[in-house]
Protein backbone atom coordinates (compact mmCIF):
# COMPACT_ATOMS: atom_id res chain seq x y z
CA MET A 1 305.42 -42.78 94.64
CA GLY A 2 303.07 -44.79 96.79
CA ASN A 3 302.40 -47.44 99.40
CA LEU A 4 303.76 -50.91 98.79
CA GLU A 5 301.84 -53.92 100.08
CA MET A 6 301.97 -57.67 99.68
CA SER A 7 299.50 -60.48 100.27
CA THR A 8 299.23 -64.19 99.53
CA GLY A 9 296.51 -66.35 98.01
CA ASP A 10 295.37 -68.58 95.18
CA MET A 11 295.39 -66.56 91.94
CA ARG A 12 293.46 -69.32 90.20
CA GLU A 13 290.43 -68.41 92.30
CA VAL A 14 290.62 -64.83 91.01
CA ILE A 15 290.87 -65.98 87.39
CA ARG A 16 288.02 -68.47 87.86
CA LEU A 17 285.76 -65.69 89.13
CA LEU A 18 286.65 -63.51 86.15
CA THR A 19 285.92 -66.26 83.66
CA ALA A 20 282.98 -68.03 85.32
CA VAL A 21 279.92 -68.56 83.14
CA GLU A 22 277.77 -69.32 86.19
CA ARG A 23 279.06 -68.12 89.55
CA THR A 24 278.82 -70.07 92.77
CA PRO A 25 277.23 -68.43 95.84
CA GLU A 26 280.72 -67.95 97.29
CA GLN A 27 281.91 -66.26 94.10
CA GLU A 28 278.88 -63.97 94.16
CA ARG A 29 279.63 -63.08 97.79
CA ARG A 30 283.23 -62.19 97.01
CA LEU A 31 282.22 -60.29 93.89
CA ALA A 32 279.77 -58.18 95.90
CA ILE A 33 282.60 -57.18 98.24
CA ALA A 34 284.87 -56.37 95.28
CA ARG A 35 282.14 -54.22 93.72
CA GLU A 36 281.79 -52.30 96.97
CA ARG A 37 285.56 -51.76 97.13
CA CYS A 38 285.51 -50.40 93.58
CA ALA A 39 282.62 -48.06 94.38
CA GLN A 40 284.50 -46.80 97.44
CA LYS A 41 287.59 -46.14 95.31
CA ASP A 42 285.50 -44.13 92.85
CA ALA A 43 284.01 -42.14 95.73
CA ARG A 44 287.47 -41.32 97.11
CA LEU A 45 288.63 -40.20 93.67
CA ALA A 46 285.57 -37.97 93.33
CA ASP A 47 286.29 -36.42 96.74
CA GLU A 48 289.80 -35.63 95.50
CA GLY A 49 288.46 -34.12 92.28
CA ILE A 50 289.97 -36.89 90.15
CA GLU A 51 288.02 -38.26 87.20
CA TRP A 52 289.19 -41.21 85.14
CA GLY A 53 287.87 -42.06 81.70
CA VAL A 54 286.68 -45.42 82.99
CA PRO A 55 285.56 -45.50 86.65
CA VAL A 56 286.83 -48.44 88.68
CA ALA A 57 283.35 -49.89 89.17
CA GLN A 58 282.74 -49.80 85.41
CA ALA A 59 286.17 -51.28 84.75
CA LEU A 60 285.33 -54.24 86.97
CA GLU A 61 282.15 -54.96 85.05
CA GLU A 62 284.03 -54.74 81.74
CA LEU A 63 286.64 -57.19 83.01
CA LEU A 64 283.89 -59.59 84.04
CA GLU A 65 282.41 -59.31 80.57
CA GLY A 66 285.82 -59.87 79.01
CA SER A 67 285.60 -56.65 77.01
CA PRO A 68 287.64 -53.72 78.38
CA GLY A 69 286.55 -50.55 76.59
CA ALA A 70 289.90 -48.72 76.74
CA ASP A 71 293.53 -49.53 76.02
CA MET A 72 295.02 -47.32 78.73
CA GLU A 73 293.18 -46.63 81.99
CA PRO A 74 294.19 -47.16 85.65
CA GLY A 75 290.67 -48.20 86.60
CA TYR A 76 291.16 -51.73 85.27
CA THR A 77 294.26 -52.28 87.39
CA HIS A 78 292.43 -51.10 90.51
CA ALA A 79 289.44 -53.29 89.63
CA PHE A 80 291.67 -56.34 89.29
CA GLN A 81 293.33 -55.53 92.62
CA ALA A 82 289.88 -55.40 94.24
CA LEU A 83 289.26 -58.97 93.07
CA VAL A 84 292.63 -60.06 94.41
CA ALA A 85 291.94 -58.37 97.75
CA VAL A 86 288.76 -60.39 98.38
CA HIS A 87 290.57 -63.68 97.73
CA PHE A 88 293.99 -63.07 99.30
CA SER A 89 295.27 -62.64 102.85
CA ASP A 90 295.35 -59.35 104.70
CA THR A 91 298.05 -57.10 103.30
CA TYR A 92 301.55 -56.77 104.74
CA ASP A 93 302.77 -53.17 104.64
CA LEU A 94 306.18 -52.77 102.96
CA GLY A 95 306.26 -49.02 103.47
CA TYR A 96 305.90 -45.81 101.50
CA TRP A 97 308.30 -45.31 98.59
CA ARG A 98 308.91 -41.81 97.26
CA ARG A 99 310.83 -43.11 94.23
CA PRO A 100 309.70 -46.55 93.04
CA SER A 101 312.40 -46.31 90.35
CA TRP A 102 314.87 -46.81 93.19
CA PHE A 103 314.07 -50.54 93.06
CA HIS A 104 315.63 -50.72 89.60
CA THR A 105 318.83 -49.24 91.04
CA VAL A 106 318.69 -51.92 93.72
CA ASP A 107 318.25 -54.56 91.01
CA GLU A 108 321.39 -53.38 89.23
CA GLU A 109 323.59 -53.73 92.28
CA MET A 110 322.08 -57.00 93.46
CA THR A 111 322.34 -58.69 90.07
CA ARG A 112 325.91 -57.45 89.78
CA HIS A 113 326.65 -59.40 92.94
CA GLY A 114 325.00 -62.53 91.58
CA VAL A 115 321.28 -62.37 92.42
CA PRO A 116 319.34 -63.86 89.46
CA ALA A 117 317.47 -61.15 87.54
CA ASP A 118 314.11 -62.86 88.03
CA LEU A 119 314.57 -62.75 91.83
CA ALA A 120 315.67 -59.10 92.05
CA PRO A 121 313.25 -56.67 93.77
CA ALA A 122 311.83 -54.84 90.74
CA ALA A 123 311.21 -58.14 88.96
CA LEU A 124 309.11 -59.30 91.92
CA LEU A 125 307.30 -56.04 92.55
CA PHE A 126 306.57 -54.75 89.08
CA GLY A 127 306.24 -57.81 86.86
CA GLY A 128 302.64 -56.93 86.07
CA PRO A 129 299.34 -58.79 86.44
CA PRO A 130 298.94 -62.49 85.59
CA ILE A 131 296.45 -61.61 82.83
CA ARG A 132 296.40 -59.01 80.11
CA LEU A 133 294.97 -55.71 81.35
CA PRO A 134 294.78 -52.25 79.79
CA HIS A 135 297.91 -50.30 80.73
CA PRO A 136 297.34 -48.02 83.75
CA GLY A 137 299.03 -45.19 81.85
CA ASP A 138 300.78 -43.65 84.83
CA ALA A 139 303.66 -44.28 87.23
CA VAL A 140 301.33 -46.06 89.67
CA PRO A 141 299.56 -48.36 90.35
CA TRP A 142 302.04 -51.17 89.74
CA MET A 143 301.59 -54.80 90.60
CA GLY A 144 303.57 -58.00 90.51
CA THR A 145 303.03 -61.67 91.25
CA PHE A 146 305.53 -64.28 92.38
CA PRO A 147 305.22 -68.01 93.10
CA ALA A 148 305.19 -68.65 96.84
CA SER A 149 307.04 -71.89 96.10
CA ARG A 150 310.10 -69.81 95.13
CA ALA A 151 310.16 -67.60 98.24
CA ALA A 152 312.98 -69.69 99.69
CA GLU A 153 315.04 -68.97 96.54
CA VAL A 154 314.64 -65.23 97.15
CA VAL A 155 315.73 -65.61 100.77
CA ALA A 156 318.83 -67.64 99.85
CA ALA A 157 319.82 -65.29 97.02
CA TYR A 158 319.46 -62.13 99.13
CA GLU A 159 321.21 -63.57 102.18
CA ALA A 160 324.15 -64.63 99.99
CA VAL A 161 324.91 -61.03 98.96
CA LEU A 162 323.57 -58.95 101.83
CA ASP A 163 326.93 -58.15 103.44
CA ARG A 164 328.35 -56.98 100.10
CA LEU A 165 325.65 -54.45 99.30
CA ASP A 166 325.75 -50.69 99.67
CA PRO A 167 324.00 -49.81 102.99
CA GLU A 168 321.00 -48.18 101.27
CA VAL A 169 320.57 -51.10 98.90
CA ARG A 170 320.96 -53.55 101.79
CA GLU A 171 318.22 -51.75 103.71
CA THR A 172 315.86 -52.06 100.75
CA ALA A 173 316.71 -55.73 100.24
CA GLN A 174 315.91 -56.40 103.90
CA VAL A 175 312.46 -54.84 103.47
CA LEU A 176 311.67 -57.75 101.15
CA LEU A 177 313.85 -60.37 102.81
CA GLU A 178 311.96 -60.55 106.09
CA PRO A 179 308.45 -61.07 104.69
CA MET A 180 309.75 -63.47 102.03
CA ARG A 181 311.37 -65.52 104.79
CA VAL A 182 307.92 -65.76 106.39
CA GLU A 183 306.40 -66.71 103.03
CA ALA A 184 308.96 -69.48 102.58
CA GLU A 185 308.04 -70.96 105.95
CA GLU A 186 304.31 -70.62 105.30
CA TRP A 187 304.64 -72.24 101.88
CA GLU A 188 305.98 -75.40 103.50
CA GLU A 189 303.03 -75.40 105.92
CA THR A 190 300.64 -74.75 103.03
CA LYS A 191 301.95 -77.77 101.11
CA GLU A 192 301.63 -80.05 104.13
CA ALA A 193 298.07 -78.87 104.79
CA GLY A 194 297.05 -79.22 101.14
CA ARG A 195 296.09 -75.56 100.80
CA THR A 196 296.51 -73.61 97.57
CA GLN A 197 297.81 -70.17 98.59
CA ASP A 198 300.56 -70.30 95.99
CA THR A 199 300.93 -66.70 94.80
CA VAL A 200 302.52 -63.65 96.43
CA PHE A 201 300.90 -60.42 95.18
CA PHE A 202 302.63 -57.03 95.33
CA TRP A 203 300.70 -53.77 94.98
CA LEU A 204 302.17 -50.27 94.79
CA HIS A 205 299.54 -47.53 94.75
């Protein structure tokens, strides 16, 4: 269970920061903010009496070095999200979900009505990071990425089946439909302006 958020940006900028041999001043500025976010996350965990094997701040440094020291720790996922957060737009709140597994039930009904599997909600939300990370080892956090260029496909696929869905499933589909409609419109503006915000990022935590 957790809060579901989405944001949009250029994932290549995140990967370039992770792999840079020499960082630009702008990369150093963003990295400093990400480090502070990681330290704040560790402080909140400590206040809650939670101790992970690899703190988030340490996980970030290990990712930057290209040498994660554990195979299964949530700290790496949170560290990667901190890097995404300093490159992407402000988050759009998609609500609190008591049972994230519900999205797989939604997938089953929507695909049965003809929505392609790679456009169904769980495929968007929980497809994982764009790079290999140690497994978080728990139900959350989960993340997913989706090309902004395909947002219009999601809108068309969902609208085509909306009136045939069970009311609860329809309500969930609409949670994603509205922001993806906005993303489809913004993608067209992004192309015309020559900007590179080409990735939609989903984060359940």
